[in-house]
């Protein structure tokens, strides 16, 4: 009976980086990275099913797993190429903030499986990817937030023409239309545009429209927008 290690070596090539891979082995490795990327994305979407905005990152996780495997396969044991890659990526700045620390864990998850495949360790990629996925699903099903906070369904952005404070002005409107909310950002909008406040908020579609309209009527509000389930309710 064929051993698992022999099976993986037949399909994905030798684990020795000195041994060049054949074209079919390269294709299979990248295909495995893609399959594991879809697995990671599926686990992420399940774990984030009560939050909006999960689709974009889920797609990124699939591509990230594939790209990491391609880069790792290309570099192999070439130290010069590895340092060149590090220097190239060092000048790239990613300005999109991570809204949930769990999203960062899933990015690392996708990188780990892609790196394992690219480093010619498909067994590690499969076993590690499966175990991490099982634990993630278990945490999603059974673990609760320590603060007992409810799921967040949207993001509210309000711009004012002054420097505030505006909490006492906004809170009554939020209390009327929203089930819950949490202030994320309160900062100077820059260039004399006043103050910008951003909330994570739990509100229904109909109430969201009414809330944006009510916020627009407040003194000092120059703009109000609500991103809810991928749709914007904008005013101002």
Protein backbone atom coordinates (compact mmCIF):
# COMPACT_ATOMS: atom_id res chain seq x y z
CA UNK A 1 0.00 0.00 0.00
CA UNK A 2 1.32 3.42 -0.97
CA UNK A 3 2.32 5.67 1.92
CA UNK A 4 0.76 9.16 2.15
CA UNK A 5 4.19 10.75 1.78
CA UNK A 6 4.77 8.81 -1.43
CA UNK A 7 1.36 9.84 -2.76
CA UNK A 8 2.05 13.52 -2.14
CA UNK A 9 5.50 13.23 -3.68
CA UNK A 10 4.05 11.60 -6.80
CA UNK A 11 1.45 14.34 -7.20
CA UNK A 12 3.25 17.46 -5.98
CA UNK A 13 6.90 16.62 -6.49
CA UNK A 14 9.82 16.12 -4.16
CA UNK A 15 10.00 18.05 -0.90
CA UNK A 16 13.68 18.70 -1.67
CA UNK A 17 13.92 22.28 -3.03
CA UNK A 18 17.01 21.25 -5.01
CA UNK A 19 14.87 18.99 -7.19
CA UNK A 20 13.07 21.03 -9.89
CA UNK A 21 9.33 20.58 -10.24
CA UNK A 22 7.73 19.35 -13.42
CA UNK A 23 4.98 21.43 -15.03
CA UNK A 24 2.11 19.13 -13.91
CA UNK A 25 3.41 19.27 -10.34
CA UNK A 26 3.44 23.07 -10.41
CA UNK A 27 -0.14 23.12 -11.71
CA UNK A 28 -1.28 20.69 -9.02
CA UNK A 29 0.42 22.71 -6.29
CA UNK A 30 -1.23 25.95 -7.34
CA UNK A 31 -4.56 24.15 -7.72
CA UNK A 32 -4.18 22.77 -4.18
CA UNK A 33 -3.45 26.28 -2.90
CA UNK A 34 -6.59 27.52 -4.67
CA UNK A 35 -8.69 24.71 -3.17
CA UNK A 36 -7.37 25.45 0.30
CA UNK A 37 -7.96 29.15 -0.31
CA UNK A 38 -11.61 28.43 -1.08
CA UNK A 39 -11.76 26.32 2.08
CA UNK A 40 -10.32 29.19 4.15
CA UNK A 41 -12.75 31.63 2.52
CA UNK A 42 -15.68 29.32 3.26
CA UNK A 43 -14.67 29.04 6.91
CA UNK A 44 -14.29 32.82 7.06
CA UNK A 45 -17.73 33.47 5.56
CA UNK A 46 -19.31 30.99 7.97
CA UNK A 47 -17.54 32.57 10.95
CA UNK A 48 -18.47 36.07 9.75
CA UNK A 49 -22.00 35.29 8.55
CA UNK A 50 -23.52 37.85 10.94
CA UNK A 51 -21.27 40.67 9.73
CA UNK A 52 -21.46 42.68 6.53
CA UNK A 53 -18.46 43.14 4.25
CA UNK A 54 -17.25 39.52 4.49
CA UNK A 55 -17.47 38.81 0.74
CA UNK A 56 -14.61 41.09 -0.31
CA UNK A 57 -12.12 39.62 2.14
CA UNK A 58 -13.26 36.08 1.34
CA UNK A 59 -12.32 36.59 -2.31
CA UNK A 60 -8.99 38.08 -1.25
CA UNK A 61 -8.20 35.04 0.89
CA UNK A 62 -8.47 32.73 -2.14
CA UNK A 63 -6.17 34.88 -4.25
CA UNK A 64 -3.77 35.42 -1.36
CA UNK A 65 -3.32 31.69 -0.82
CA UNK A 66 -2.58 31.16 -4.52
CA UNK A 67 -0.21 34.12 -4.79
CA UNK A 68 1.79 33.09 -1.74
CA UNK A 69 2.20 29.57 -3.12
CA UNK A 70 3.28 30.91 -6.54
CA UNK A 71 5.84 33.26 -5.00
CA UNK A 72 7.20 30.58 -2.67
CA UNK A 73 7.48 28.07 -5.52
CA UNK A 74 9.28 30.65 -7.65
CA UNK A 75 11.77 31.56 -4.94
CA UNK A 76 12.53 28.03 -3.77
CA UNK A 77 15.81 28.14 -1.86
CA UNK A 78 17.10 31.21 -3.70
CA UNK A 79 18.06 33.59 -0.89
CA UNK A 80 18.77 36.47 -3.26
CA UNK A 81 15.29 36.24 -4.76
CA UNK A 82 13.77 36.10 -1.29
CA UNK A 83 15.52 39.30 -0.18
CA UNK A 84 14.55 41.01 -3.43
CA UNK A 85 10.91 40.12 -2.79
CA UNK A 86 11.06 41.45 0.77
CA UNK A 87 12.56 44.71 -0.46
CA UNK A 88 9.89 45.05 -3.13
CA UNK A 89 7.00 44.42 -0.77
CA UNK A 90 8.47 46.77 1.84
CA UNK A 91 7.58 49.78 -0.32
CA UNK A 92 3.94 48.71 -0.69
CA UNK A 93 1.50 50.35 1.72
CA UNK A 94 -1.91 48.88 2.42
CA UNK A 95 -4.26 51.58 3.66
CA UNK A 96 -7.44 49.53 4.16
CA UNK A 97 -7.99 49.11 7.92
CA UNK A 98 -8.88 45.71 9.37
CA UNK A 99 -12.25 46.06 11.08
CA UNK A 100 -12.02 42.90 13.17
CA UNK A 101 -8.93 41.29 14.67
CA UNK A 102 -10.34 37.93 13.56
CA UNK A 103 -9.94 39.08 9.95
CA UNK A 104 -6.20 39.36 10.55
CA UNK A 105 -6.14 35.77 11.78
CA UNK A 106 -7.81 34.60 8.56
CA UNK A 107 -5.30 36.52 6.44
CA UNK A 108 -2.51 34.70 8.29
CA UNK A 109 -4.48 31.45 7.81
CA UNK A 110 -4.52 31.94 4.02
CA UNK A 111 -0.84 32.90 3.98
CA UNK A 112 0.06 29.82 6.04
CA UNK A 113 -1.65 27.31 3.74
CA UNK A 114 -0.27 29.01 0.62
CA UNK A 115 3.22 29.08 2.11
CA UNK A 116 3.01 25.41 3.10
CA UNK A 117 2.02 24.41 -0.43
CA UNK A 118 4.70 26.60 -1.97
CA UNK A 119 7.33 25.17 0.40
CA UNK A 120 6.43 21.69 -0.90
CA UNK A 121 4.71 20.55 2.28
CA UNK A 122 1.19 19.73 1.07
CA UNK A 123 0.62 17.43 4.05
CA UNK A 124 1.17 20.35 6.43
CA UNK A 125 -1.11 22.55 4.34
CA UNK A 126 -3.93 19.99 4.33
CA UNK A 127 -3.70 18.86 7.95
CA UNK A 128 -3.01 22.31 9.34
CA UNK A 129 -5.67 23.94 7.19
CA UNK A 130 -8.26 21.38 8.23
CA UNK A 131 -7.50 21.58 11.95
CA UNK A 132 -7.50 25.38 12.01
CA UNK A 133 -10.79 25.36 10.10
CA UNK A 134 -12.40 22.96 12.57
CA UNK A 135 -11.28 25.07 15.53
CA UNK A 136 -12.53 28.24 13.83
CA UNK A 137 -15.97 26.73 13.21
CA UNK A 138 -16.11 25.49 16.80
CA UNK A 139 -15.25 28.95 18.13
CA UNK A 140 -17.86 30.51 15.88
CA UNK A 141 -20.56 28.13 17.11
CA UNK A 142 -19.80 28.06 20.79
CA UNK A 143 -17.73 31.10 21.74
CA UNK A 144 -19.34 34.41 22.63
CA UNK A 145 -17.88 37.89 22.76
CA UNK A 146 -16.56 38.70 26.20
CA UNK A 147 -18.55 41.93 26.35
CA UNK A 148 -21.73 40.30 25.07
CA UNK A 149 -21.98 42.87 22.30
CA UNK A 150 -24.52 42.17 19.54
CA UNK A 151 -23.66 41.57 15.93
CA UNK A 152 -22.96 44.68 13.89
CA UNK A 153 -24.86 45.11 10.64
CA UNK A 154 -23.69 48.44 9.24
CA UNK A 155 -21.44 51.48 9.39
CA UNK A 156 -22.67 55.03 9.89
CA UNK A 157 -20.59 58.05 8.91
CA UNK A 158 -21.58 61.57 10.01
CA UNK A 159 -19.80 64.80 9.13
CA UNK A 160 -20.28 68.01 11.10
CA UNK A 161 -19.33 71.58 10.27
CA UNK A 162 -17.71 72.23 13.67
CA UNK A 163 -15.42 70.55 16.18
CA UNK A 164 -18.07 69.22 18.59
CA UNK A 165 -18.65 67.45 20.88
CA UNK A 166 -21.73 66.03 19.17
CA UNK A 167 -22.53 62.89 21.18
CA UNK A 168 -25.51 64.48 22.93
CA UNK A 169 -26.86 65.63 19.56
CA UNK A 170 -26.58 62.27 17.80
CA UNK A 171 -27.45 59.84 20.61
CA UNK A 172 -31.23 60.55 20.70
CA UNK A 173 -31.54 59.82 16.97
CA UNK A 174 -29.52 56.63 17.25
CA UNK A 175 -31.56 55.54 20.25
CA UNK A 176 -34.79 56.00 18.29
CA UNK A 177 -33.81 54.05 15.18
CA UNK A 178 -30.95 51.68 16.04
CA UNK A 179 -30.84 48.58 18.21
CA UNK A 180 -27.23 49.18 19.20
CA UNK A 181 -24.21 51.19 18.13
CA UNK A 182 -20.55 51.75 18.94
CA UNK A 183 -18.38 54.76 18.15
CA UNK A 184 -15.33 53.77 16.10
CA UNK A 185 -13.79 57.08 15.05
CA UNK A 186 -14.19 60.73 15.98
CA UNK A 187 -11.68 62.94 14.21
CA UNK A 188 -11.05 66.20 12.40
CA UNK A 189 -12.15 65.76 8.78
CA UNK A 190 -9.28 67.99 7.64
CA UNK A 191 -9.07 70.99 5.31
CA UNK A 192 -11.61 72.90 7.36
CA UNK A 193 -14.35 70.32 6.75
CA UNK A 194 -15.25 69.92 10.41
CA UNK A 195 -15.56 66.68 12.37
CA UNK A 196 -16.22 63.16 11.17
CA UNK A 197 -17.70 60.45 13.38
CA UNK A 198 -18.02 56.80 12.37
CA UNK A 199 -20.19 54.25 14.16
CA UNK A 200 -20.72 50.52 13.87
CA UNK A 201 -24.45 50.12 14.11
CA UNK A 202 -27.21 47.51 14.22
CA UNK A 203 -30.23 48.84 12.32
CA UNK A 204 -32.77 47.55 9.79
CA UNK A 205 -33.12 48.80 6.22
CA UNK A 206 -36.28 50.84 6.80
CA UNK A 207 -35.05 52.31 10.07
CA UNK A 208 -31.71 53.07 8.46
CA UNK A 209 -33.32 55.28 5.82
CA UNK A 210 -35.35 57.12 8.44
CA UNK A 211 -32.30 57.52 10.66
CA UNK A 212 -30.19 59.07 7.89
CA UNK A 213 -33.03 61.49 7.09
CA UNK A 214 -33.32 62.44 10.77
CA UNK A 215 -29.59 62.99 11.10
CA UNK A 216 -29.66 65.29 8.08
CA UNK A 217 -32.07 67.57 9.89
CA UNK A 218 -29.75 68.10 12.86
CA UNK A 219 -27.97 71.42 13.24
CA UNK A 220 -24.35 71.17 12.18
CA UNK A 221 -24.66 67.94 10.17
CA UNK A 222 -23.33 68.40 6.63
CA UNK A 223 -23.36 64.77 5.54
CA UNK A 224 -24.68 61.42 6.77
CA UNK A 225 -24.23 58.04 5.12
CA UNK A 226 -25.06 54.51 6.16
CA UNK A 227 -23.46 51.42 4.65
CA UNK A 228 -25.80 48.52 5.32
CA UNK A 229 -25.46 45.15 3.64
CA UNK A 230 -23.44 46.61 0.79
CA UNK A 231 -26.00 49.37 0.07
CA UNK A 232 -25.48 53.05 0.88
CA UNK A 233 -28.17 55.29 2.29
CA UNK A 234 -26.68 58.71 1.71
CA UNK A 235 -27.81 62.18 2.58
CA UNK A 236 -26.24 65.59 2.65
